[in-house]
């Protein structure tokens, strides 16, 4: 009995008791709910036996007895309340067996009650610990969500009960863990960072950890991603630039793109390369355009109190643009709810959110509004007094053209060619990464239509894009994807000189 208690806990003990009784064995609480139930009988009487045990478990508290036995038909029910702590209700051990009962079964049940009670108490403590861990994990996830949507004040309030305090400025890490080892890697990250990192289990990707680290960390902490990759085989880490706490969403995108590059490096670690932000390059004209585009969404008033308001719709849109269909996991909503909200958002903005071009436009507008360094937002009266701006007006500016050229410049460097894929045919644009990316974007970033247009296989397109991820230093195939920035860059260069982006 004690060997089974150590190796398998209450479930193993109940399985063993069921075999010795040739019947059903289980643990029930005071109202008759079956907590655990096991039967090794092959006669299909398990459901009937559990029902009988529930019936008499309800009566046991009203009887002034330490045990209870009752015969019904061909079966006997034996019930033994287990010992437990004074502040908790101990469960009842119940056995339903055909009679005549095996010799010594009552003594056996009395003997097994002690190790069974110890197992139950230990398992109850473990269940409480898991609930506490889950509550803390969800709280940290909530704080990260608030940071990603720019709600710093509420994030600080929620984070006040947890440790460590939120740093500012920060460096964001995304660590991809081996399957089933995320909790272990989280503990290692906490140790390597000296407890200063804000560690969150990603709600979207089951193998990802998100670390928000103080930007003023020491030399050892600055190499945190590399040290994690060295400490845990198969770990891969991407790290952002130093960003203000208000720009945590930007830091996350940078770290995610760096992670795509790190997968192809021997060190399994990469840092996001310095690059200008289109939200900053858009300047004051971009701020006015973003306000005009998003005004119907940000001023939306729901018809019913239970309908989402403007803030909730904006958070839904931001999450969907970052995570696509995985936004349901991020926001903890049903996919039908997500689809309904996106239809409403599309109607409010007058955009077709199935098109990459419209997705890129609204993504840029949201990023401009979330960037505190963008100057000169105009009021509503000023918007009415000026002619409305379009996306092309913003992309035609010299600063945005310079940003676009820098985004696509790596495609002209050595090693940027897509090459040919074995078994996929040469296809159109087989050696031209510009054409591969352009056609992929024209096909709304869908692999199958892109493969048909290029005349190659879907795996062939995937291989090309995977290689281009390393060239560009950006994630293309997994969200958050760089497809919005690439679409904007191609459009900006086409406006400057049609055909310049090939």
Protein backbone atom coordinates (compact mmCIF):
# COMPACT_ATOMS: atom_id res chain seq x y z
CA UNK A 1 0.00 0.00 0.00
CA UNK A 2 2.74 2.47 0.86
CA UNK A 3 4.68 1.61 -2.31
CA UNK A 4 1.56 2.36 -4.37
CA UNK A 5 0.97 5.58 -2.42
CA UNK A 6 4.49 6.81 -3.21
CA UNK A 7 4.44 5.82 -6.88
CA UNK A 8 0.87 6.52 -7.96
CA UNK A 9 -1.05 8.27 -5.20
CA UNK A 10 -4.74 7.84 -4.54
CA UNK A 11 -5.58 6.62 -8.05
CA UNK A 12 -3.18 3.67 -7.79
CA UNK A 13 -4.43 2.79 -4.31
CA UNK A 14 -8.05 2.84 -5.44
CA UNK A 15 -7.19 0.66 -8.43
CA UNK A 16 -5.53 -1.85 -6.11
CA UNK A 17 -8.49 -1.80 -3.66
CA UNK A 18 -10.92 -2.30 -6.54
CA UNK A 19 -9.01 -5.39 -7.58
CA UNK A 20 -8.93 -6.83 -4.04
CA UNK A 21 -12.69 -6.22 -3.68
CA UNK A 22 -13.51 -7.42 -7.22
CA UNK A 23 -15.79 -4.39 -7.49
CA UNK A 24 -15.88 -0.58 -7.54
CA UNK A 25 -13.77 1.72 -5.32
CA UNK A 26 -13.83 5.47 -5.09
CA UNK A 27 -13.55 8.68 -3.09
CA UNK A 28 -16.65 10.86 -2.60
CA UNK A 29 -17.27 14.16 -0.88
CA UNK A 30 -20.07 14.79 1.64
CA UNK A 31 -22.75 15.53 -0.95
CA UNK A 32 -22.07 12.32 -2.84
CA UNK A 33 -19.97 13.73 -5.68
CA UNK A 34 -17.50 11.13 -6.97
CA UNK A 35 -14.00 12.62 -6.78
CA UNK A 36 -12.22 9.51 -8.05
CA UNK A 37 -13.73 6.21 -9.09
CA UNK A 38 -12.15 2.97 -10.31
CA UNK A 39 -13.58 -0.41 -11.26
CA UNK A 40 -11.76 -3.49 -12.48
CA UNK A 41 -14.94 -5.46 -12.97
CA UNK A 42 -15.87 -6.36 -16.53
CA UNK A 43 -19.61 -6.81 -15.91
CA UNK A 44 -20.51 -3.17 -16.59
CA UNK A 45 -21.78 -2.48 -13.07
CA UNK A 46 -19.46 0.47 -12.44
CA UNK A 47 -22.11 3.13 -13.09
CA UNK A 48 -24.66 1.36 -10.90
CA UNK A 49 -22.09 0.90 -8.12
CA UNK A 50 -21.10 4.59 -8.23
CA UNK A 51 -24.77 5.57 -7.99
CA UNK A 52 -25.22 3.31 -4.96
CA UNK A 53 -22.14 4.80 -3.28
CA UNK A 54 -23.41 8.36 -3.89
CA UNK A 55 -26.77 7.51 -2.35
CA UNK A 56 -25.29 6.27 0.91
CA UNK A 57 -22.49 8.84 1.11
CA UNK A 58 -25.19 11.49 1.48
CA UNK A 59 -26.69 9.62 4.45
CA UNK A 60 -23.41 8.95 6.26
CA UNK A 61 -22.99 12.40 7.93
CA UNK A 62 -26.39 11.98 9.61
CA UNK A 63 -25.39 8.65 11.13
CA UNK A 64 -23.34 8.67 14.29
CA UNK A 65 -20.92 6.05 12.98
CA UNK A 66 -17.32 5.86 11.76
CA UNK A 67 -18.21 3.36 9.04
CA UNK A 68 -21.25 2.14 7.21
CA UNK A 69 -22.28 -1.09 5.47
CA UNK A 70 -25.38 -1.76 3.44
CA UNK A 71 -26.57 -4.66 1.32
CA UNK A 72 -28.62 -4.17 -1.79
CA UNK A 73 -29.39 -7.04 -4.09
CA UNK A 74 -26.20 -8.87 -4.91
CA UNK A 75 -23.87 -6.06 -3.79
CA UNK A 76 -22.60 -4.62 -0.51
CA UNK A 77 -21.55 -1.02 -0.04
CA UNK A 78 -18.81 -0.19 2.51
CA UNK A 79 -18.10 3.46 3.42
CA UNK A 80 -15.20 4.78 5.54
CA UNK A 81 -14.75 8.55 6.22
CA UNK A 82 -11.06 9.41 5.93
CA UNK A 83 -9.19 11.52 8.46
CA UNK A 84 -8.30 15.02 7.37
CA UNK A 85 -7.21 18.43 8.69
CA UNK A 86 -9.68 20.23 10.98
CA UNK A 87 -10.24 23.07 8.49
CA UNK A 88 -11.12 20.80 5.55
CA UNK A 89 -13.70 18.15 4.84
CA UNK A 90 -12.09 14.78 4.25
CA UNK A 91 -13.51 12.54 1.53
CA UNK A 92 -15.26 9.20 2.05
CA UNK A 93 -13.75 5.94 0.89
CA UNK A 94 -16.47 3.82 -0.71
CA UNK A 95 -16.28 0.25 -1.99
CA UNK A 96 -19.14 -1.56 -3.72
CA UNK A 97 -18.49 -5.30 -4.14
CA UNK A 98 -20.56 -8.42 -4.85
CA UNK A 99 -21.27 -10.52 -1.82
CA UNK A 100 -20.11 -12.61 -0.24
CA UNK A 101 -17.28 -10.14 0.37
CA UNK A 102 -13.68 -11.34 0.22
CA UNK A 103 -12.33 -12.39 3.62
CA UNK A 104 -10.68 -9.54 5.51
CA UNK A 105 -11.92 -6.80 3.14
CA UNK A 106 -13.21 -4.60 6.00
CA UNK A 107 -9.86 -4.80 7.80
CA UNK A 108 -8.07 -4.08 4.53
CA UNK A 109 -10.13 -0.92 4.01
CA UNK A 110 -9.38 0.24 7.54
CA UNK A 111 -5.67 -0.26 6.87
CA UNK A 112 -5.70 1.52 3.52
CA UNK A 113 -7.54 4.54 4.89
CA UNK A 114 -4.39 6.07 6.42
CA UNK A 115 -2.14 6.07 3.28
CA UNK A 116 -5.15 7.06 1.20
CA UNK A 117 -5.84 10.04 3.49
CA UNK A 118 -2.18 11.08 3.27
CA UNK A 119 -2.25 10.86 -0.52
CA UNK A 120 -5.44 12.90 -0.71
CA UNK A 121 -4.03 15.61 1.57
CA UNK A 122 -0.84 15.84 -0.50
CA UNK A 123 -2.81 15.95 -3.74
CA UNK A 124 -5.08 18.65 -2.31
CA UNK A 125 -2.03 20.79 -1.53
CA UNK A 126 -0.71 20.22 -5.07
CA UNK A 127 -4.06 21.20 -6.58
CA UNK A 128 -4.06 24.42 -4.54
CA UNK A 129 -0.51 25.16 -5.64
CA UNK A 130 -1.49 24.69 -9.27
CA UNK A 131 -4.47 26.99 -8.85
CA UNK A 132 -2.23 29.64 -7.32
CA UNK A 133 0.31 29.22 -10.15
CA UNK A 134 -2.47 29.48 -12.73
CA UNK A 135 -3.89 32.59 -11.07
CA UNK A 136 -0.45 34.24 -11.03
CA UNK A 137 0.18 33.22 -14.64
CA UNK A 138 -3.15 34.68 -15.76
CA UNK A 139 -2.46 37.88 -13.79
CA UNK A 140 0.90 38.28 -15.51
CA UNK A 141 -0.74 37.58 -18.85
CA UNK A 142 -3.30 40.30 -18.09
CA UNK A 143 -0.53 42.78 -17.25
CA UNK A 144 1.22 41.97 -20.54
CA UNK A 145 -2.05 42.47 -22.43
CA UNK A 146 -2.49 45.87 -20.79
CA UNK A 147 1.07 46.82 -21.73
CA UNK A 148 0.55 45.68 -25.31
CA UNK A 149 -2.53 47.90 -25.59
CA UNK A 150 -0.82 50.89 -23.98
CA UNK A 151 -2.81 50.91 -20.71
CA UNK A 152 0.19 51.59 -18.47
CA UNK A 153 -1.66 52.98 -15.47
CA UNK A 154 -3.87 49.89 -15.06
CA UNK A 155 -0.90 47.61 -15.79
CA UNK A 156 1.07 49.17 -12.92
CA UNK A 157 -1.91 48.80 -10.58
CA UNK A 158 -2.36 45.09 -11.38
CA UNK A 159 1.38 44.44 -11.29
CA UNK A 160 1.68 46.07 -7.87
CA UNK A 161 0.68 42.83 -6.15
CA UNK A 162 3.24 40.78 -8.10
CA UNK A 163 7.00 40.84 -8.32
CA UNK A 164 9.13 42.28 -9.74
CA UNK A 165 7.90 45.80 -10.43
CA UNK A 166 7.52 46.81 -14.06
CA UNK A 167 10.78 48.37 -15.36
CA UNK A 168 11.05 51.30 -17.76
CA UNK A 169 12.69 51.29 -20.30
CA UNK A 170 12.69 47.61 -21.17
CA UNK A 171 14.15 44.98 -23.44
CA UNK A 172 11.75 42.25 -24.60
CA UNK A 173 12.77 38.61 -25.12
CA UNK A 174 10.80 35.84 -26.80
CA UNK A 175 12.16 32.42 -25.84
CA UNK A 176 11.00 29.32 -27.73
CA UNK A 177 11.22 26.33 -25.39
CA UNK A 178 11.46 22.58 -26.05
CA UNK A 179 8.10 20.85 -25.95
CA UNK A 180 6.87 20.28 -22.40
CA UNK A 181 9.68 22.24 -20.74
CA UNK A 182 8.30 25.79 -20.62
CA UNK A 183 7.90 25.82 -16.83
CA UNK A 184 11.47 24.57 -16.39
CA UNK A 185 12.82 27.24 -18.77
CA UNK A 186 10.80 29.90 -16.93
CA UNK A 187 12.54 28.95 -13.68
CA UNK A 188 15.95 29.05 -15.39
CA UNK A 189 15.18 32.50 -16.85
CA UNK A 190 14.18 33.76 -13.42
CA UNK A 191 17.45 32.49 -11.93
CA UNK A 192 19.64 33.85 -14.75
CA UNK A 193 18.00 37.29 -14.56
CA UNK A 194 18.30 37.51 -10.80
CA UNK A 195 14.54 37.74 -10.42
CA UNK A 196 14.39 41.09 -12.24
CA UNK A 197 12.60 39.82 -15.37
CA UNK A 198 8.85 39.97 -15.83
CA UNK A 199 8.20 36.46 -17.18
CA UNK A 200 4.93 35.63 -18.95
CA UNK A 201 3.83 32.36 -20.54
CA UNK A 202 2.63 33.33 -24.00
CA UNK A 203 -1.15 32.75 -24.31
CA UNK A 204 -0.88 32.23 -28.07
CA UNK A 205 2.16 30.00 -28.62
CA UNK A 206 2.35 27.11 -26.16
CA UNK A 207 6.17 26.89 -26.35
CA UNK A 208 6.92 30.62 -25.98
CA UNK A 209 7.98 32.64 -22.97
CA UNK A 210 7.88 36.44 -23.08
CA UNK A 211 10.41 38.23 -20.87
CA UNK A 212 10.29 41.95 -20.11
CA UNK A 213 13.75 42.82 -18.78
CA UNK A 214 15.06 46.15 -17.44
CA UNK A 215 17.01 47.93 -20.17
CA UNK A 216 19.62 48.99 -17.60
CA UNK A 217 20.46 45.36 -16.80
CA UNK A 218 24.05 44.39 -16.16
CA UNK A 219 26.30 42.70 -18.69
CA UNK A 220 25.26 39.20 -17.58
CA UNK A 221 21.56 40.05 -17.80
CA UNK A 222 22.04 41.69 -21.21
CA UNK A 223 23.22 38.28 -22.47
CA UNK A 224 20.15 36.57 -20.97
CA UNK A 225 18.87 35.16 -24.26
CA UNK A 226 22.27 33.73 -25.17
CA UNK A 227 22.70 32.23 -21.69
CA UNK A 228 19.28 30.58 -21.87
CA UNK A 229 20.10 29.12 -25.29
CA UNK A 230 23.36 27.78 -23.88
CA UNK A 231 21.74 26.39 -20.72
CA UNK A 232 18.82 24.58 -22.37
CA UNK A 233 19.30 22.52 -25.50
CA UNK A 234 16.84 23.41 -28.28
CA UNK A 235 15.95 26.78 -26.71
CA UNK A 236 15.87 29.66 -29.20
CA UNK A 237 15.76 33.33 -28.15
CA UNK A 238 15.05 36.62 -29.90
CA UNK A 239 15.60 40.00 -28.24
CA UNK A 240 14.34 43.48 -29.05
CA UNK A 241 16.01 46.85 -28.92
CA UNK A 242 15.64 48.92 -25.75
CA UNK A 243 12.17 50.48 -25.84
CA UNK A 244 10.03 52.53 -23.42
CA UNK A 245 7.59 50.49 -21.37
CA UNK A 246 4.78 52.16 -23.32
CA UNK A 247 6.20 50.55 -26.50
CA UNK A 248 6.14 46.98 -25.16
CA UNK A 249 4.07 45.91 -28.19
CA UNK A 250 6.81 47.19 -30.49
CA UNK A 251 9.44 45.38 -28.42
CA UNK A 252 7.46 42.15 -28.66
CA UNK A 253 7.23 42.40 -32.46
CA UNK A 254 10.96 43.05 -32.69
CA UNK A 255 11.78 40.09 -30.44
CA UNK A 256 9.45 37.84 -32.42
CA UNK A 257 11.15 38.81 -35.69
CA UNK A 258 14.56 38.22 -34.10
CA UNK A 259 13.36 34.77 -33.04
CA UNK A 260 12.67 33.88 -36.69
CA UNK A 261 16.30 34.72 -37.48
CA UNK A 262 17.68 32.92 -34.40
CA UNK A 263 16.17 29.59 -35.50
CA UNK A 264 18.71 29.48 -38.33
CA UNK A 265 21.77 30.47 -36.28
CA UNK A 266 24.14 28.04 -34.51
CA UNK A 267 23.96 30.11 -31.31
CA UNK A 268 20.11 29.97 -31.40
CA UNK A 269 20.01 33.64 -30.35
CA UNK A 270 19.54 36.88 -32.29
CA UNK A 271 18.92 40.53 -31.54
CA UNK A 272 16.63 42.70 -33.63
CA UNK A 273 18.60 44.81 -36.07
CA UNK A 274 18.24 48.56 -35.76
CA UNK A 275 15.62 49.86 -38.18
CA UNK A 276 13.45 52.98 -38.41
CA UNK A 277 9.79 52.74 -37.56
CA UNK A 278 7.25 53.70 -40.25
CA UNK A 279 5.07 55.23 -37.53
CA UNK A 280 7.85 57.74 -36.80
CA UNK A 281 8.70 58.24 -40.47
CA UNK A 282 5.07 59.16 -41.20
CA UNK A 283 5.46 62.33 -39.10
CA UNK A 284 2.70 64.79 -38.27
CA UNK A 285 0.85 64.13 -41.54
CA UNK A 286 0.73 60.47 -40.62
CA UNK A 287 -0.69 61.33 -37.19
CA UNK A 288 -3.48 63.34 -38.81
CA UNK A 289 -4.20 60.56 -41.32
CA UNK A 290 -4.31 57.94 -38.53
CA UNK A 291 -6.75 60.04 -36.52
CA UNK A 292 -8.99 60.47 -39.56
CA UNK A 293 -8.92 56.78 -40.47
CA UNK A 294 -9.57 55.50 -36.95
CA UNK A 295 -12.04 58.20 -35.88
CA UNK A 296 -15.19 56.10 -36.61
CA UNK A 297 -13.77 53.22 -34.56
CA UNK A 298 -12.48 55.27 -31.63
CA UNK A 299 -15.73 57.21 -31.27
CA UNK A 300 -18.04 54.21 -31.73
CA UNK A 301 -20.82 53.90 -29.15
CA UNK A 302 -22.37 50.44 -28.78
CA UNK A 303 -26.12 50.10 -29.24
CA UNK A 304 -26.46 47.76 -26.27
CA UNK A 305 -24.59 47.70 -22.98
CA UNK A 306 -23.37 44.14 -23.63
CA UNK A 307 -21.87 45.05 -27.03
CA UNK A 308 -18.15 45.90 -27.25
CA UNK A 309 -17.23 49.56 -27.04
CA UNK A 310 -14.54 51.43 -28.95
CA UNK A 311 -11.70 50.46 -26.59
CA UNK A 312 -12.56 46.77 -26.71
CA UNK A 313 -12.92 46.85 -30.51
CA UNK A 314 -9.54 48.58 -30.86
CA UNK A 315 -7.91 45.96 -28.61
CA UNK A 316 -9.54 43.19 -30.67
CA UNK A 317 -8.25 44.72 -33.91
CA UNK A 318 -4.73 45.11 -32.51
CA UNK A 319 -4.67 41.50 -31.31
CA UNK A 320 -6.01 40.15 -34.60
CA UNK A 321 -3.49 42.10 -36.68
CA UNK A 322 -0.70 40.69 -34.51
CA UNK A 323 -1.89 37.10 -34.09
CA UNK A 324 -4.48 36.49 -36.85
CA UNK A 325 -6.84 33.66 -35.84
CA UNK A 326 -4.78 33.04 -32.68
CA UNK A 327 -6.32 36.24 -31.31
CA UNK A 328 -9.08 34.04 -29.88
CA UNK A 329 -6.51 32.56 -27.49
CA UNK A 330 -5.00 35.94 -26.72
CA UNK A 331 -8.34 37.60 -25.98
CA UNK A 332 -10.06 34.47 -24.55
CA UNK A 333 -13.05 34.84 -26.89
CA UNK A 334 -14.86 32.48 -29.26
CA UNK A 335 -13.96 32.55 -32.95
CA UNK A 336 -17.51 33.60 -33.84
CA UNK A 337 -17.19 36.55 -31.46
CA UNK A 338 -13.92 37.52 -33.15
CA UNK A 339 -15.49 37.26 -36.62
CA UNK A 340 -18.48 39.39 -35.59
CA UNK A 341 -16.23 42.09 -34.12
CA UNK A 342 -14.05 42.17 -37.24
CA UNK A 343 -17.12 42.58 -39.47
CA UNK A 344 -18.24 45.53 -37.35
CA UNK A 345 -14.75 47.08 -37.41
CA UNK A 346 -14.57 46.71 -41.19
CA UNK A 347 -17.95 48.44 -41.56
CA UNK A 348 -16.94 51.28 -39.24
CA UNK A 349 -13.64 51.91 -41.04
CA UNK A 350 -14.93 51.23 -44.55
CA UNK A 351 -12.14 48.69 -45.12
CA UNK A 352 -11.98 45.12 -46.39
CA UNK A 353 -10.00 43.41 -43.65
CA UNK A 354 -9.51 40.36 -45.85
CA UNK A 355 -7.04 42.38 -47.95
CA UNK A 356 -3.42 42.68 -46.84
CA UNK A 357 -3.35 46.28 -48.10
CA UNK A 358 -6.21 47.35 -45.83
CA UNK A 359 -4.72 45.35 -42.94
CA UNK A 360 -1.39 47.14 -43.48
CA UNK A 361 -3.12 50.54 -43.49
CA UNK A 362 -4.98 50.05 -40.24
CA UNK A 363 -1.93 48.42 -38.61
CA UNK A 364 0.14 51.49 -39.49
CA UNK A 365 -2.57 53.79 -38.15
CA UNK A 366 -2.75 51.95 -34.84
CA UNK A 367 1.05 52.00 -34.52
CA UNK A 368 1.14 55.73 -35.19
CA UNK A 369 -1.42 56.36 -32.46
CA UNK A 370 0.54 54.15 -30.05
CA UNK A 371 3.85 55.95 -30.75
CA UNK A 372 4.35 58.77 -28.24
CA UNK A 373 7.11 60.39 -30.35
CA UNK A 374 4.80 61.20 -33.28
CA UNK A 375 4.16 64.97 -33.19
CA UNK A 376 1.30 67.19 -34.19
CA UNK A 377 -2.03 65.37 -33.92
CA UNK A 378 -4.88 67.48 -35.20
CA UNK A 379 -8.20 68.07 -33.53
CA UNK A 380 -11.58 67.36 -35.07
CA UNK A 381 -12.12 70.95 -36.17
CA UNK A 382 -8.77 70.99 -37.95
CA UNK A 383 -9.63 67.73 -39.71
CA UNK A 384 -12.84 69.28 -40.97
CA UNK A 385 -10.96 72.36 -42.22
CA UNK A 386 -8.36 70.40 -44.20
CA UNK A 387 -8.81 68.04 -47.13
CA UNK A 388 -8.69 64.41 -45.97
CA UNK A 389 -5.44 62.51 -46.36
CA UNK A 390 -5.08 59.08 -47.93
CA UNK A 391 -2.56 56.34 -47.30
CA UNK A 392 -0.73 57.15 -50.53
CA UNK A 393 -0.24 60.73 -49.31
CA UNK A 394 1.62 59.36 -46.29
CA UNK A 395 3.62 56.75 -48.20
CA UNK A 396 4.72 59.36 -50.74
CA UNK A 397 6.70 61.35 -48.16
CA UNK A 398 10.52 61.34 -48.40
CA UNK A 399 11.04 59.89 -44.91
CA UNK A 400 8.71 56.98 -45.64
CA UNK A 401 10.41 56.36 -49.01
CA UNK A 402 13.76 56.20 -47.24
CA UNK A 403 12.29 53.78 -44.70
CA UNK A 404 10.87 51.63 -47.52
CA UNK A 405 14.19 51.47 -49.34
CA UNK A 406 15.95 50.38 -46.15
CA UNK A 407 13.33 47.67 -45.55
CA UNK A 408 13.89 46.11 -48.97
CA UNK A 409 17.62 46.78 -49.31
CA UNK A 410 18.64 43.34 -47.91
CA UNK A 411 16.93 41.69 -50.89
CA UNK A 412 19.60 43.12 -53.18
CA UNK A 413 22.48 41.78 -51.07
CA UNK A 414 24.43 38.54 -51.52
CA UNK A 415 22.59 35.41 -50.46
CA UNK A 416 19.16 36.94 -50.99
CA UNK A 417 18.21 34.89 -54.04
CA UNK A 418 15.46 32.38 -53.60
CA UNK A 419 17.26 29.73 -55.57
CA UNK A 420 15.44 26.66 -56.85
CA UNK A 421 13.61 24.05 -54.88
CA UNK A 422 14.17 20.39 -55.53
CA UNK A 423 11.11 18.89 -57.12
CA UNK A 424 9.26 22.20 -57.34
CA UNK A 425 10.27 23.33 -60.80
CA UNK A 426 12.04 26.57 -61.64
CA UNK A 427 8.82 28.58 -61.71
CA UNK A 428 8.32 32.27 -62.34
CA UNK A 429 10.66 34.46 -60.31
CA UNK A 430 12.63 31.48 -59.04
CA UNK A 431 15.78 33.57 -58.49
CA UNK A 432 14.08 36.88 -57.71
CA UNK A 433 13.19 37.46 -54.04
CA UNK A 434 11.50 40.76 -54.96
CA UNK A 435 9.07 38.96 -57.25
CA UNK A 436 8.46 36.17 -54.73
CA UNK A 437 7.53 38.64 -52.02
CA UNK A 438 5.46 40.83 -54.34
CA UNK A 439 3.39 37.90 -55.65
CA UNK A 440 2.97 36.51 -52.11
CA UNK A 441 1.59 39.86 -50.98
CA UNK A 442 -0.61 40.21 -54.06
CA UNK A 443 -2.03 36.78 -53.18
CA UNK A 444 -2.98 38.17 -49.71
CA UNK A 445 -0.03 36.32 -48.10
CA UNK A 446 -1.64 32.96 -48.92
CA UNK A 447 0.72 30.12 -49.85
CA UNK A 448 -1.51 28.11 -52.22
CA UNK A 449 -2.46 30.99 -54.58
CA UNK A 450 1.14 32.21 -54.49
CA UNK A 451 2.44 28.76 -55.43
CA UNK A 452 -0.01 28.58 -58.34
CA UNK A 453 1.01 32.02 -59.57
CA UNK A 454 4.73 31.20 -59.33
CA UNK A 455 4.24 27.76 -60.88
CA UNK A 456 5.87 25.88 -58.00
CA UNK A 457 4.70 23.78 -55.05
CA UNK A 458 3.43 25.10 -51.74
CA UNK A 459 6.47 23.63 -49.90
CA UNK A 460 8.62 25.43 -52.46
CA UNK A 461 7.03 28.78 -51.61
CA UNK A 462 7.41 28.05 -47.90
CA UNK A 463 11.14 27.30 -48.38
CA UNK A 464 11.65 30.56 -50.26
CA UNK A 465 9.91 32.60 -47.59
CA UNK A 466 11.81 30.81 -44.83
CA UNK A 467 15.09 31.79 -46.49
CA UNK A 468 13.88 35.36 -46.90
CA UNK A 469 13.11 35.52 -43.17
CA UNK A 470 16.84 35.18 -42.49
CA UNK A 471 17.70 37.71 -45.19
CA UNK A 472 15.23 40.32 -43.96
CA UNK A 473 15.61 39.52 -40.27
CA UNK A 474 11.82 39.38 -40.00
CA UNK A 475 9.16 36.73 -39.47
CA UNK A 476 6.99 36.14 -42.54
CA UNK A 477 5.19 32.85 -42.07
CA UNK A 478 4.24 33.12 -38.40
CA UNK A 479 2.40 35.97 -36.76
CA UNK A 480 3.32 38.67 -35.86
CA UNK A 481 4.46 38.84 -39.49
CA UNK A 482 6.35 41.54 -41.37
CA UNK A 483 3.91 41.35 -44.27
CA UNK A 484 2.33 44.71 -43.37
CA UNK A 485 5.65 46.56 -43.41
CA UNK A 486 6.65 44.84 -46.67
CA UNK A 487 3.37 45.76 -48.35
CA UNK A 488 3.80 49.38 -47.26
CA UNK A 489 7.43 49.40 -48.46
CA UNK A 490 6.55 48.06 -51.91
CA UNK A 491 3.70 50.56 -52.20
CA UNK A 492 5.90 53.49 -51.14
CA UNK A 493 8.58 52.67 -53.72
CA UNK A 494 6.01 52.15 -56.44
CA UNK A 495 4.58 55.62 -55.69
CA UNK A 496 8.05 57.13 -55.86
CA UNK A 497 8.82 55.55 -59.21
CA UNK A 498 6.58 52.84 -60.65
CA UNK A 499 8.57 49.70 -61.16
CA UNK A 500 11.44 50.73 -58.88
CA UNK A 501 10.53 47.88 -56.53
CA UNK A 502 10.68 45.59 -59.56
